């Protein structure tokens, strides 16, 4: 029996988009649905990482004297906007979202970073420990962002195949409502 592969590995495998023209519309839609689900999961992980990064950044600014408020005083702003203001996409999604388990088997960087309870003992951490945590968060965020870009690339190719079929009359336009 072949070992179970992660969805990100499945969808970024060149075989996932090889010979898209041979797939049925239902198969193409199913692959696109998998990509939508995976994007929602990766987006959720990014939001979790950015929240931790914002809290950690605030604490580092507070310790350096750049910030006078306590973490508790600044928490509403940090959670609403991030430490440097609203910089991320905050457009609500229409996709149904099933929240993923936060912690997997601990083998992925995201599992280790999100599983770290550094926020519970933030005041007792040394500056060098904060820097290490920030580096781990940044690395995990880069990995998740790269995965999202790869998902978008695959999504674009599948969507292009679907569009081509409609444009060339190879798919029935009456089923466009199913694509919604």
Protein backbone atom coordinates (compact mmCIF):
# COMPACT_ATOMS: atom_id res chain seq x y z
CA UNK A 1 0.00 0.00 0.00
CA UNK A 2 1.34 3.40 -1.01
CA UNK A 3 1.89 5.77 1.93
CA UNK A 4 -0.69 8.53 2.26
CA UNK A 5 0.46 11.70 0.57
CA UNK A 6 -0.38 15.18 1.75
CA UNK A 7 -2.81 17.09 -0.43
CA UNK A 8 -0.20 19.75 -1.17
CA UNK A 9 2.10 17.03 -2.50
CA UNK A 10 -0.70 15.55 -4.59
CA UNK A 11 -1.75 18.82 -6.22
CA UNK A 12 1.80 20.00 -6.90
CA UNK A 13 2.76 16.69 -8.47
CA UNK A 14 2.98 17.29 -12.24
CA UNK A 15 0.68 14.29 -12.74
CA UNK A 16 -2.18 16.28 -11.15
CA UNK A 17 -2.39 18.56 -14.18
CA UNK A 18 -0.94 16.26 -16.81
CA UNK A 19 -3.27 15.84 -19.77
CA UNK A 20 -6.13 17.90 -18.34
CA UNK A 21 -7.89 17.62 -21.69
CA UNK A 22 -8.57 13.93 -21.00
CA UNK A 23 -10.48 14.64 -17.78
CA UNK A 24 -14.23 15.06 -17.56
CA UNK A 25 -15.73 18.37 -16.42
CA UNK A 26 -16.72 16.69 -13.17
CA UNK A 27 -13.13 15.57 -12.59
CA UNK A 28 -11.84 19.07 -13.33
CA UNK A 29 -14.38 20.60 -10.95
CA UNK A 30 -13.45 18.09 -8.24
CA UNK A 31 -9.77 18.96 -8.60
CA UNK A 32 -10.63 22.64 -8.42
CA UNK A 33 -12.70 21.99 -5.29
CA UNK A 34 -9.71 20.23 -3.69
CA UNK A 35 -7.60 23.28 -4.54
CA UNK A 36 -10.22 25.60 -3.03
CA UNK A 37 -10.22 23.56 0.18
CA UNK A 38 -6.45 23.48 0.32
CA UNK A 39 -6.24 27.22 -0.27
CA UNK A 40 -8.72 27.84 2.56
CA UNK A 41 -6.63 25.66 4.88
CA UNK A 42 -3.37 27.34 3.92
CA UNK A 43 -5.00 30.75 4.29
CA UNK A 44 -6.14 29.78 7.79
CA UNK A 45 -2.61 28.70 8.71
CA UNK A 46 -1.23 32.00 7.39
CA UNK A 47 -3.69 33.96 9.51
CA UNK A 48 -2.67 31.95 12.57
CA UNK A 49 1.01 32.57 11.83
CA UNK A 50 0.50 36.28 11.19
CA UNK A 51 -1.38 36.64 14.46
CA UNK A 52 1.51 35.09 16.37
CA UNK A 53 4.03 37.15 14.42
CA UNK A 54 2.11 40.34 15.21
CA UNK A 55 1.98 39.53 18.93
CA UNK A 56 5.66 38.65 19.01
CA UNK A 57 6.58 41.78 17.06
CA UNK A 58 4.64 43.92 19.51
CA UNK A 59 6.45 42.32 22.45
CA UNK A 60 9.82 42.96 20.80
CA UNK A 61 8.88 46.62 20.20
CA UNK A 62 7.66 46.94 23.78
CA UNK A 63 10.94 45.58 25.11
CA UNK A 64 12.99 47.92 22.92
CA UNK A 65 11.03 50.93 24.21
CA UNK A 66 9.35 51.68 20.87
CA UNK A 67 5.99 50.76 22.37
CA UNK A 68 4.71 51.98 25.74
CA UNK A 69 1.40 50.09 25.94
CA UNK A 70 1.15 46.68 27.52
CA UNK A 71 0.28 43.71 25.35
CA UNK A 72 -3.18 43.58 26.94
CA UNK A 73 -3.79 47.26 26.14
CA UNK A 74 -2.72 46.80 22.52
CA UNK A 75 -4.36 43.42 21.99
CA UNK A 76 -7.58 44.68 20.35
CA UNK A 77 -5.59 46.68 17.78
CA UNK A 78 -3.11 43.86 17.19
CA UNK A 79 -5.87 41.33 16.60
CA UNK A 80 -7.86 43.70 14.39
CA UNK A 81 -5.07 45.22 12.31
CA UNK A 82 -1.77 43.56 13.08
CA UNK A 83 1.09 45.43 14.64
CA UNK A 84 1.88 47.52 11.55
CA UNK A 85 -1.69 48.16 10.45
CA UNK A 86 -3.97 46.25 8.10
CA UNK A 87 -1.62 44.86 5.45
CA UNK A 88 -3.19 41.53 4.61
CA UNK A 89 -6.16 40.69 2.48
CA UNK A 90 -9.22 40.90 4.69
CA UNK A 91 -11.85 40.25 2.04
CA UNK A 92 -14.27 37.63 3.34
CA UNK A 93 -14.40 34.42 1.39
CA UNK A 94 -17.59 32.76 0.18
CA UNK A 95 -16.03 29.33 0.43
CA UNK A 96 -17.33 27.02 3.12
CA UNK A 97 -14.50 26.53 5.55
CA UNK A 98 -13.94 23.52 7.69
CA UNK A 99 -11.23 24.51 10.11
CA UNK A 100 -8.27 22.17 9.93
CA UNK A 101 -6.78 20.52 12.96
CA UNK A 102 -4.16 22.96 14.13
CA UNK A 103 -1.62 20.36 15.00
CA UNK A 104 -0.80 17.45 12.74
CA UNK A 105 1.78 14.82 13.46
CA UNK A 106 4.43 17.38 14.39
CA UNK A 107 6.58 16.67 11.36
CA UNK A 108 5.69 19.85 9.47
CA UNK A 109 7.17 23.21 10.41
CA UNK A 110 3.64 24.60 10.70
CA UNK A 111 2.75 21.93 13.27
CA UNK A 112 5.78 22.72 15.39
CA UNK A 113 5.32 26.50 15.19
CA UNK A 114 1.58 26.50 15.87
CA UNK A 115 2.03 23.91 18.60
CA UNK A 116 4.51 26.12 20.45
CA UNK A 117 2.84 27.72 23.47
CA UNK A 118 5.30 30.63 23.67
CA UNK A 119 2.44 33.11 24.13
CA UNK A 120 1.62 31.60 27.53
CA UNK A 121 5.07 32.46 28.87
CA UNK A 122 5.99 35.44 26.68
CA UNK A 123 7.14 37.71 29.55
CA UNK A 124 9.63 35.12 30.78
CA UNK A 125 11.31 34.54 27.41
CA UNK A 126 14.72 36.02 26.74
CA UNK A 127 15.26 38.28 23.73
CA UNK A 128 17.29 35.63 21.91
CA UNK A 129 14.44 33.14 22.42
CA UNK A 130 12.01 35.66 20.93
CA UNK A 131 14.30 36.07 17.92
CA UNK A 132 14.41 32.28 17.43
CA UNK A 133 10.64 32.03 17.62
CA UNK A 134 10.26 34.93 15.17
CA UNK A 135 12.64 33.18 12.76
CA UNK A 136 10.64 29.93 13.01
CA UNK A 137 7.35 31.77 12.44
CA UNK A 138 8.77 33.63 9.46
CA UNK A 139 10.12 30.42 7.95
CA UNK A 140 6.80 28.63 8.37
CA UNK A 141 4.94 31.60 6.87
CA UNK A 142 7.25 31.59 3.83
CA UNK A 143 6.65 27.86 3.36
CA UNK A 144 2.87 28.22 3.59
CA UNK A 145 2.92 31.22 1.22
CA UNK A 146 4.97 29.26 -1.31
CA UNK A 147 2.49 26.41 -1.07
CA UNK A 148 -0.41 28.82 -1.68
CA UNK A 149 1.35 30.21 -4.77
CA UNK A 150 1.78 26.65 -6.06
CA UNK A 151 -1.92 25.95 -5.42
CA UNK A 152 -2.85 29.12 -7.35
CA UNK A 153 -0.68 28.04 -10.28
CA UNK A 154 -2.40 24.65 -10.49
CA UNK A 155 -5.82 26.28 -10.00
CA UNK A 156 -5.13 28.65 -12.88
CA UNK A 157 -4.24 25.78 -15.20
CA UNK A 158 -7.38 23.83 -14.33
CA UNK A 159 -9.55 26.94 -14.67
CA UNK A 160 -7.96 27.66 -18.05
CA UNK A 161 -8.92 24.17 -19.23
CA UNK A 162 -12.50 24.66 -18.06
CA UNK A 163 -12.69 28.09 -19.73
CA UNK A 164 -11.25 26.66 -22.96
CA UNK A 165 -13.95 23.99 -23.04
CA UNK A 166 -16.72 26.56 -22.68
CA UNK A 167 -15.13 28.86 -25.23
CA UNK A 168 -14.76 26.08 -27.79
CA UNK A 169 -18.22 24.68 -27.13
CA UNK A 170 -16.85 21.44 -25.68
CA UNK A 171 -18.85 21.93 -22.50
CA UNK A 172 -22.53 22.72 -22.17
CA UNK A 173 -23.03 26.29 -21.03
CA UNK A 174 -26.20 25.35 -19.17
CA UNK A 175 -24.11 23.74 -16.47
CA UNK A 176 -22.31 27.00 -15.66
CA UNK A 177 -24.43 27.32 -12.53
CA UNK A 178 -22.79 24.12 -11.29
CA UNK A 179 -19.42 25.87 -11.50
CA UNK A 180 -20.48 28.49 -8.99
